[in-house]
Amino acid sequence: MKRTRTALVLGASLAVLTPVAASTASAAGGPLAGTWSSVDTDGSNQTLYVMGTGSHAYAMVYVDDAATGACGGSPAKVTGPGYTFGDDVVMVGALTCTPGGNPFRTRIALTYTYDGASDTLSDGFGIVWQRTS
């Protein structure tokens, strides 16, 4: 996971943003609810679990099976809320290298943009995420 640039983004910047619900629909949850997957720039597999109704926020879990930049090739996990702003969702949480790693003290923000026409997410690194469920 080459997320060193993202790790420098602090969740404090979210305080100035006003939540707005994302567009498009899903019967069981919000429009982004489900499981998403992608391949990171280092070739590792990434999974994003998005849960909730999408009423301005989701519960989110990000997992990278080999975070080369942040965890020296060990798996990484970020758990936290995701706040919607139009077609964007910004997840805020602490990065933890697993197994048994201590979380980094600095909270990071991961931003994803939803494309309703293709039902995909894209992140700040240009990686496209596919919905798997």
N, C-alpha and C. Protein backbone atom coordinates (compact mmCIF):
# COMPACT_ATOMS: atom_id res chain seq x y z
N MET A 1 0.85 -1.17 0.00
CA MET A 1 0.00 0.00 0.00
C MET A 1 0.89 1.22 0.00
N LYS A 2 0.85 2.01 -1.02
CA LYS A 2 1.63 3.24 -1.10
C LYS A 2 0.74 4.38 -0.67
N ARG A 3 0.50 4.49 0.60
CA ARG A 3 -0.43 5.45 1.16
C ARG A 3 0.28 6.51 2.01
N THR A 4 1.58 6.68 1.85
CA THR A 4 2.30 7.63 2.68
C THR A 4 1.79 9.05 2.49
N ARG A 5 1.40 9.41 1.26
CA ARG A 5 0.85 10.74 1.03
C ARG A 5 -0.48 10.89 1.75
N THR A 6 -1.31 9.86 1.72
CA THR A 6 -2.60 9.91 2.37
C THR A 6 -2.44 9.99 3.88
N ALA A 7 -1.42 9.33 4.44
CA ALA A 7 -1.22 9.33 5.88
C ALA A 7 -0.97 10.72 6.43
N LEU A 8 -0.56 11.63 5.59
CA LEU A 8 -0.28 12.99 6.04
C LEU A 8 -1.53 13.85 6.10
N VAL A 9 -2.63 13.37 5.53
CA VAL A 9 -3.88 14.11 5.53
C VAL A 9 -4.57 13.89 6.86
N LEU A 10 -4.83 14.94 7.59
CA LEU A 10 -5.45 14.82 8.90
C LEU A 10 -6.95 14.96 8.80
N GLY A 11 -7.65 14.21 9.64
CA GLY A 11 -9.10 14.27 9.68
C GLY A 11 -9.62 15.63 10.10
N ALA A 12 -8.80 16.48 10.66
CA ALA A 12 -9.23 17.80 11.11
C ALA A 12 -9.81 18.63 9.98
N SER A 13 -9.38 18.38 8.76
CA SER A 13 -9.89 19.16 7.64
C SER A 13 -11.36 18.89 7.39
N LEU A 14 -11.91 17.81 7.93
CA LEU A 14 -13.31 17.50 7.72
C LEU A 14 -14.24 18.44 8.46
N ALA A 15 -13.77 19.12 9.45
CA ALA A 15 -14.63 19.98 10.26
C ALA A 15 -15.26 21.10 9.46
N VAL A 16 -14.65 21.49 8.35
CA VAL A 16 -15.18 22.59 7.56
C VAL A 16 -16.15 22.14 6.48
N LEU A 17 -16.33 20.83 6.31
CA LEU A 17 -17.19 20.32 5.26
C LEU A 17 -18.59 20.04 5.78
N THR A 18 -19.58 20.22 4.92
CA THR A 18 -20.97 19.96 5.29
C THR A 18 -21.42 18.68 4.60
N PRO A 19 -21.88 17.65 5.34
CA PRO A 19 -22.29 16.39 4.73
C PRO A 19 -23.51 16.55 3.83
N VAL A 20 -23.48 15.82 2.70
CA VAL A 20 -24.60 15.75 1.78
C VAL A 20 -24.71 14.29 1.35
N ALA A 21 -25.91 13.74 1.30
CA ALA A 21 -26.08 12.34 0.93
C ALA A 21 -25.64 12.09 -0.50
N ALA A 22 -25.01 10.93 -0.73
CA ALA A 22 -24.57 10.55 -2.07
C ALA A 22 -25.77 10.15 -2.92
N SER A 23 -25.60 10.20 -4.24
CA SER A 23 -26.70 9.88 -5.13
C SER A 23 -26.73 8.40 -5.49
N THR A 24 -27.75 7.96 -6.19
CA THR A 24 -28.10 6.61 -6.62
C THR A 24 -28.56 5.76 -5.45
N ALA A 25 -29.14 4.58 -5.75
CA ALA A 25 -29.88 3.87 -4.71
C ALA A 25 -29.41 2.44 -4.47
N SER A 26 -29.69 1.95 -3.28
CA SER A 26 -29.51 0.56 -2.88
C SER A 26 -30.57 0.26 -1.85
N ALA A 27 -31.31 -0.83 -2.01
CA ALA A 27 -32.44 -1.12 -1.13
C ALA A 27 -32.00 -1.46 0.29
N ALA A 28 -30.94 -2.23 0.47
CA ALA A 28 -30.54 -2.71 1.78
C ALA A 28 -29.77 -1.67 2.58
N GLY A 29 -29.13 -0.75 1.94
CA GLY A 29 -28.32 0.26 2.62
C GLY A 29 -28.21 1.47 1.73
N GLY A 30 -27.25 2.32 2.06
CA GLY A 30 -27.03 3.50 1.25
C GLY A 30 -26.43 3.13 -0.09
N PRO A 31 -26.31 4.08 -0.98
CA PRO A 31 -25.84 3.81 -2.33
C PRO A 31 -24.42 3.26 -2.40
N LEU A 32 -23.63 3.48 -1.37
CA LEU A 32 -22.26 2.97 -1.38
C LEU A 32 -22.10 1.70 -0.56
N ALA A 33 -23.15 1.28 0.15
CA ALA A 33 -23.06 0.10 1.01
C ALA A 33 -22.71 -1.14 0.19
N GLY A 34 -21.80 -1.94 0.73
CA GLY A 34 -21.39 -3.16 0.06
C GLY A 34 -19.90 -3.39 0.24
N THR A 35 -19.38 -4.32 -0.51
CA THR A 35 -17.96 -4.65 -0.49
C THR A 35 -17.36 -4.23 -1.82
N TRP A 36 -16.22 -3.55 -1.76
CA TRP A 36 -15.53 -3.03 -2.93
C TRP A 36 -14.12 -3.60 -2.95
N SER A 37 -13.55 -3.82 -4.13
CA SER A 37 -12.18 -4.32 -4.21
C SER A 37 -11.42 -3.62 -5.33
N SER A 38 -10.09 -3.63 -5.16
CA SER A 38 -9.20 -3.05 -6.17
C SER A 38 -7.81 -3.65 -5.99
N VAL A 39 -6.95 -3.34 -6.93
CA VAL A 39 -5.53 -3.71 -6.84
C VAL A 39 -4.75 -2.43 -6.67
N ASP A 40 -3.93 -2.37 -5.61
CA ASP A 40 -3.14 -1.18 -5.30
C ASP A 40 -2.02 -1.01 -6.33
N THR A 41 -1.38 0.15 -6.32
CA THR A 41 -0.30 0.43 -7.25
C THR A 41 0.89 -0.50 -7.05
N ASP A 42 1.01 -1.12 -5.86
CA ASP A 42 2.11 -2.06 -5.61
C ASP A 42 1.70 -3.50 -5.93
N GLY A 43 0.49 -3.71 -6.45
CA GLY A 43 0.02 -5.04 -6.83
C GLY A 43 -0.73 -5.78 -5.73
N SER A 44 -0.85 -5.19 -4.55
CA SER A 44 -1.56 -5.85 -3.46
C SER A 44 -3.07 -5.69 -3.63
N ASN A 45 -3.81 -6.58 -2.98
CA ASN A 45 -5.27 -6.55 -3.03
C ASN A 45 -5.82 -5.66 -1.93
N GLN A 46 -6.79 -4.84 -2.29
CA GLN A 46 -7.44 -3.95 -1.33
C GLN A 46 -8.93 -4.28 -1.29
N THR A 47 -9.50 -4.20 -0.09
CA THR A 47 -10.94 -4.42 0.09
C THR A 47 -11.48 -3.29 0.95
N LEU A 48 -12.65 -2.79 0.58
CA LEU A 48 -13.31 -1.74 1.32
C LEU A 48 -14.72 -2.21 1.66
N TYR A 49 -15.01 -2.28 2.96
CA TYR A 49 -16.34 -2.68 3.43
C TYR A 49 -17.07 -1.40 3.84
N VAL A 50 -18.24 -1.18 3.25
CA VAL A 50 -19.03 0.02 3.53
C VAL A 50 -20.39 -0.44 4.05
N MET A 51 -20.74 0.00 5.27
CA MET A 51 -21.99 -0.42 5.89
C MET A 51 -22.79 0.79 6.33
N GLY A 52 -24.12 0.71 6.22
CA GLY A 52 -24.99 1.77 6.70
C GLY A 52 -25.95 2.26 5.65
N THR A 53 -26.79 3.17 6.06
CA THR A 53 -27.84 3.69 5.18
C THR A 53 -27.37 4.81 4.29
N GLY A 54 -26.23 5.41 4.61
CA GLY A 54 -25.73 6.51 3.80
C GLY A 54 -26.33 7.84 4.17
N SER A 55 -27.00 7.90 5.30
CA SER A 55 -27.58 9.15 5.76
C SER A 55 -26.46 10.02 6.32
N HIS A 56 -25.66 10.56 5.45
CA HIS A 56 -24.51 11.43 5.74
C HIS A 56 -23.27 10.70 6.23
N ALA A 57 -23.39 9.43 6.65
CA ALA A 57 -22.21 8.72 7.15
C ALA A 57 -22.37 7.22 6.98
N TYR A 58 -21.25 6.55 6.86
CA TYR A 58 -21.18 5.09 6.77
C TYR A 58 -20.16 4.59 7.80
N ALA A 59 -20.26 3.32 8.16
CA ALA A 59 -19.20 2.64 8.89
C ALA A 59 -18.34 1.97 7.83
N MET A 60 -17.01 2.15 7.89
CA MET A 60 -16.14 1.66 6.84
C MET A 60 -14.92 0.95 7.40
N VAL A 61 -14.47 -0.07 6.66
CA VAL A 61 -13.25 -0.79 6.99
C VAL A 61 -12.47 -0.97 5.69
N TYR A 62 -11.22 -0.51 5.69
CA TYR A 62 -10.31 -0.64 4.55
C TYR A 62 -9.25 -1.67 4.92
N VAL A 63 -8.97 -2.62 4.02
CA VAL A 63 -7.95 -3.63 4.26
C VAL A 63 -7.06 -3.73 3.03
N ASP A 64 -5.75 -3.74 3.26
CA ASP A 64 -4.77 -3.95 2.19
C ASP A 64 -3.97 -5.17 2.59
N ASP A 65 -3.88 -6.20 1.73
CA ASP A 65 -3.23 -7.44 2.14
C ASP A 65 -1.70 -7.36 2.17
N ALA A 66 -1.11 -6.30 1.65
CA ALA A 66 0.35 -6.12 1.71
C ALA A 66 0.68 -4.64 1.55
N ALA A 67 0.64 -3.92 2.64
CA ALA A 67 0.86 -2.47 2.62
C ALA A 67 2.35 -2.17 2.61
N THR A 68 2.94 -2.09 1.43
CA THR A 68 4.39 -1.93 1.32
C THR A 68 4.88 -0.59 1.85
N GLY A 69 4.18 0.49 1.56
CA GLY A 69 4.64 1.81 1.98
C GLY A 69 4.49 2.06 3.47
N ALA A 70 3.36 1.71 4.04
CA ALA A 70 3.07 2.05 5.44
C ALA A 70 3.47 0.96 6.42
N CYS A 71 3.40 -0.31 6.00
CA CYS A 71 3.60 -1.40 6.96
C CYS A 71 4.70 -2.37 6.55
N GLY A 72 5.55 -1.97 5.63
CA GLY A 72 6.68 -2.81 5.23
C GLY A 72 6.27 -4.13 4.61
N GLY A 73 5.11 -4.16 3.96
CA GLY A 73 4.64 -5.37 3.29
C GLY A 73 3.65 -6.19 4.10
N SER A 74 3.46 -5.85 5.36
CA SER A 74 2.45 -6.53 6.18
C SER A 74 1.07 -5.99 5.83
N PRO A 75 0.02 -6.73 6.17
CA PRO A 75 -1.33 -6.22 5.93
C PRO A 75 -1.62 -4.96 6.74
N ALA A 76 -2.55 -4.16 6.23
CA ALA A 76 -2.95 -2.92 6.91
C ALA A 76 -4.46 -2.86 6.97
N LYS A 77 -4.94 -2.12 7.98
CA LYS A 77 -6.38 -1.97 8.16
C LYS A 77 -6.66 -0.56 8.69
N VAL A 78 -7.73 0.07 8.16
CA VAL A 78 -8.22 1.35 8.66
C VAL A 78 -9.71 1.15 8.92
N THR A 79 -10.15 1.48 10.13
CA THR A 79 -11.55 1.37 10.49
C THR A 79 -12.03 2.74 10.96
N GLY A 80 -13.19 3.16 10.49
CA GLY A 80 -13.72 4.44 10.93
C GLY A 80 -14.93 4.86 10.13
N PRO A 81 -15.48 5.99 10.46
CA PRO A 81 -16.64 6.49 9.74
C PRO A 81 -16.24 7.08 8.38
N GLY A 82 -17.20 7.07 7.46
CA GLY A 82 -17.04 7.72 6.18
C GLY A 82 -18.14 8.73 6.02
N TYR A 83 -17.80 9.97 5.71
CA TYR A 83 -18.76 11.06 5.58
C TYR A 83 -18.96 11.40 4.12
N THR A 84 -20.21 11.54 3.69
CA THR A 84 -20.49 11.81 2.29
C THR A 84 -20.58 13.31 2.02
N PHE A 85 -20.08 13.68 0.83
CA PHE A 85 -20.08 15.05 0.35
C PHE A 85 -20.35 14.98 -1.15
N GLY A 86 -21.62 15.06 -1.56
CA GLY A 86 -21.95 14.87 -2.97
C GLY A 86 -21.62 13.44 -3.37
N ASP A 87 -20.79 13.28 -4.39
CA ASP A 87 -20.38 11.95 -4.84
C ASP A 87 -19.14 11.43 -4.14
N ASP A 88 -18.60 12.18 -3.19
CA ASP A 88 -17.41 11.77 -2.45
C ASP A 88 -17.78 11.21 -1.09
N VAL A 89 -16.98 10.26 -0.63
CA VAL A 89 -17.06 9.78 0.75
C VAL A 89 -15.64 9.84 1.30
N VAL A 90 -15.50 10.46 2.47
CA VAL A 90 -14.19 10.60 3.11
C VAL A 90 -14.20 9.75 4.37
N MET A 91 -13.33 8.75 4.39
CA MET A 91 -13.19 7.85 5.54
C MET A 91 -12.09 8.39 6.44
N VAL A 92 -12.35 8.41 7.74
CA VAL A 92 -11.37 8.91 8.71
C VAL A 92 -11.10 7.81 9.73
N GLY A 93 -9.85 7.46 9.93
CA GLY A 93 -9.52 6.43 10.92
C GLY A 93 -8.03 6.32 11.14
N ALA A 94 -7.67 5.44 12.05
CA ALA A 94 -6.26 5.19 12.34
C ALA A 94 -5.79 3.97 11.56
N LEU A 95 -4.63 4.05 10.96
CA LEU A 95 -4.04 2.94 10.23
C LEU A 95 -3.41 1.99 11.22
N THR A 96 -3.69 0.69 11.06
CA THR A 96 -3.09 -0.34 11.91
C THR A 96 -2.43 -1.37 11.02
N CYS A 97 -1.15 -1.66 11.27
CA CYS A 97 -0.47 -2.74 10.58
C CYS A 97 -0.81 -4.02 11.32
N THR A 98 -1.17 -5.08 10.59
CA THR A 98 -1.59 -6.33 11.22
C THR A 98 -0.63 -7.44 10.81
N PRO A 99 -0.57 -8.54 11.52
CA PRO A 99 -1.34 -8.83 12.73
C PRO A 99 -0.70 -8.21 13.96
N GLY A 100 -1.51 -7.84 14.89
CA GLY A 100 -1.06 -7.37 16.20
C GLY A 100 -0.37 -6.04 16.24
N GLY A 101 -0.47 -5.26 15.17
CA GLY A 101 0.22 -3.98 15.15
C GLY A 101 -0.49 -2.92 15.95
N ASN A 102 0.26 -1.97 16.40
CA ASN A 102 -0.33 -0.82 17.09
C ASN A 102 -0.80 0.19 16.06
N PRO A 103 -1.92 0.85 16.31
CA PRO A 103 -2.38 1.86 15.36
C PRO A 103 -1.45 3.07 15.38
N PHE A 104 -1.31 3.70 14.22
CA PHE A 104 -0.58 4.95 14.15
C PHE A 104 -1.40 5.99 14.91
N ARG A 105 -0.74 6.88 15.60
CA ARG A 105 -1.46 7.86 16.41
C ARG A 105 -2.19 8.91 15.58
N THR A 106 -1.70 9.19 14.39
CA THR A 106 -2.31 10.18 13.52
C THR A 106 -3.45 9.54 12.74
N ARG A 107 -4.60 10.19 12.74
CA ARG A 107 -5.73 9.70 11.94
C ARG A 107 -5.51 10.12 10.50
N ILE A 108 -5.91 9.26 9.59
CA ILE A 108 -5.77 9.57 8.17
C ILE A 108 -7.15 9.71 7.54
N ALA A 109 -7.19 10.35 6.41
CA ALA A 109 -8.43 10.49 5.65
C ALA A 109 -8.21 9.87 4.27
N LEU A 110 -9.11 8.98 3.90
CA LEU A 110 -9.08 8.34 2.59
C LEU A 110 -10.32 8.81 1.84
N THR A 111 -10.15 9.34 0.64
CA THR A 111 -11.27 9.89 -0.12
C THR A 111 -11.57 9.01 -1.33
N TYR A 112 -12.84 8.73 -1.52
CA TYR A 112 -13.32 7.93 -2.65
C TYR A 112 -14.41 8.73 -3.36
N THR A 113 -14.42 8.67 -4.69
CA THR A 113 -15.45 9.34 -5.48
C THR A 113 -16.28 8.28 -6.18
N TYR A 114 -17.60 8.38 -6.02
CA TYR A 114 -18.52 7.41 -6.61
C TYR A 114 -18.95 7.85 -8.00
N ASP A 115 -18.92 6.91 -8.96
CA ASP A 115 -19.41 7.14 -10.31
C ASP A 115 -20.64 6.25 -10.49
N GLY A 116 -21.83 6.87 -10.46
CA GLY A 116 -23.08 6.12 -10.55
C GLY A 116 -23.27 5.44 -11.89
N ALA A 117 -22.74 6.01 -12.98
CA ALA A 117 -22.92 5.43 -14.30
C ALA A 117 -22.21 4.07 -14.42
N SER A 118 -21.03 3.95 -13.81
CA SER A 118 -20.28 2.69 -13.87
C SER A 118 -20.34 1.90 -12.56
N ASP A 119 -21.00 2.46 -11.54
CA ASP A 119 -21.07 1.86 -10.20
C ASP A 119 -19.67 1.49 -9.71
N THR A 120 -18.77 2.47 -9.74
CA THR A 120 -17.40 2.28 -9.27
C THR A 120 -17.02 3.41 -8.32
N LEU A 121 -15.98 3.15 -7.55
CA LEU A 121 -15.34 4.18 -6.73
C LEU A 121 -13.96 4.41 -7.30
N SER A 122 -13.44 5.61 -7.16
CA SER A 122 -12.03 5.85 -7.47
C SER A 122 -11.44 6.60 -6.29
N ASP A 123 -10.17 6.31 -6.02
CA ASP A 123 -9.52 6.96 -4.88
C ASP A 123 -8.57 8.04 -5.37
N GLY A 124 -7.91 8.70 -4.45
CA GLY A 124 -7.02 9.80 -4.77
C GLY A 124 -5.78 9.40 -5.55
N PHE A 125 -5.54 8.10 -5.70
CA PHE A 125 -4.39 7.61 -6.45
C PHE A 125 -4.79 7.17 -7.86
N GLY A 126 -6.07 7.40 -8.22
CA GLY A 126 -6.55 7.01 -9.54
C GLY A 126 -6.92 5.54 -9.65
N ILE A 127 -6.96 4.83 -8.55
CA ILE A 127 -7.32 3.42 -8.55
C ILE A 127 -8.83 3.31 -8.58
N VAL A 128 -9.35 2.44 -9.47
CA VAL A 128 -10.79 2.24 -9.60
C VAL A 128 -11.17 0.99 -8.80
N TRP A 129 -12.20 1.16 -7.98
CA TRP A 129 -12.72 0.09 -7.12
C TRP A 129 -14.01 -0.45 -7.70
N GLN A 130 -14.13 -1.78 -7.76
CA GLN A 130 -15.31 -2.46 -8.26
C GLN A 130 -16.15 -2.97 -7.09
N ARG A 131 -17.47 -2.87 -7.21
CA ARG A 131 -18.35 -3.43 -6.18
C ARG A 131 -18.39 -4.94 -6.37
N THR A 132 -18.15 -5.70 -5.28
CA THR A 132 -18.18 -7.15 -5.35
C THR A 132 -19.42 -7.72 -4.67
N SER A 133 -20.09 -6.93 -3.86
CA SER A 133 -21.38 -7.36 -3.27
C SER A 133 -22.13 -6.15 -2.75
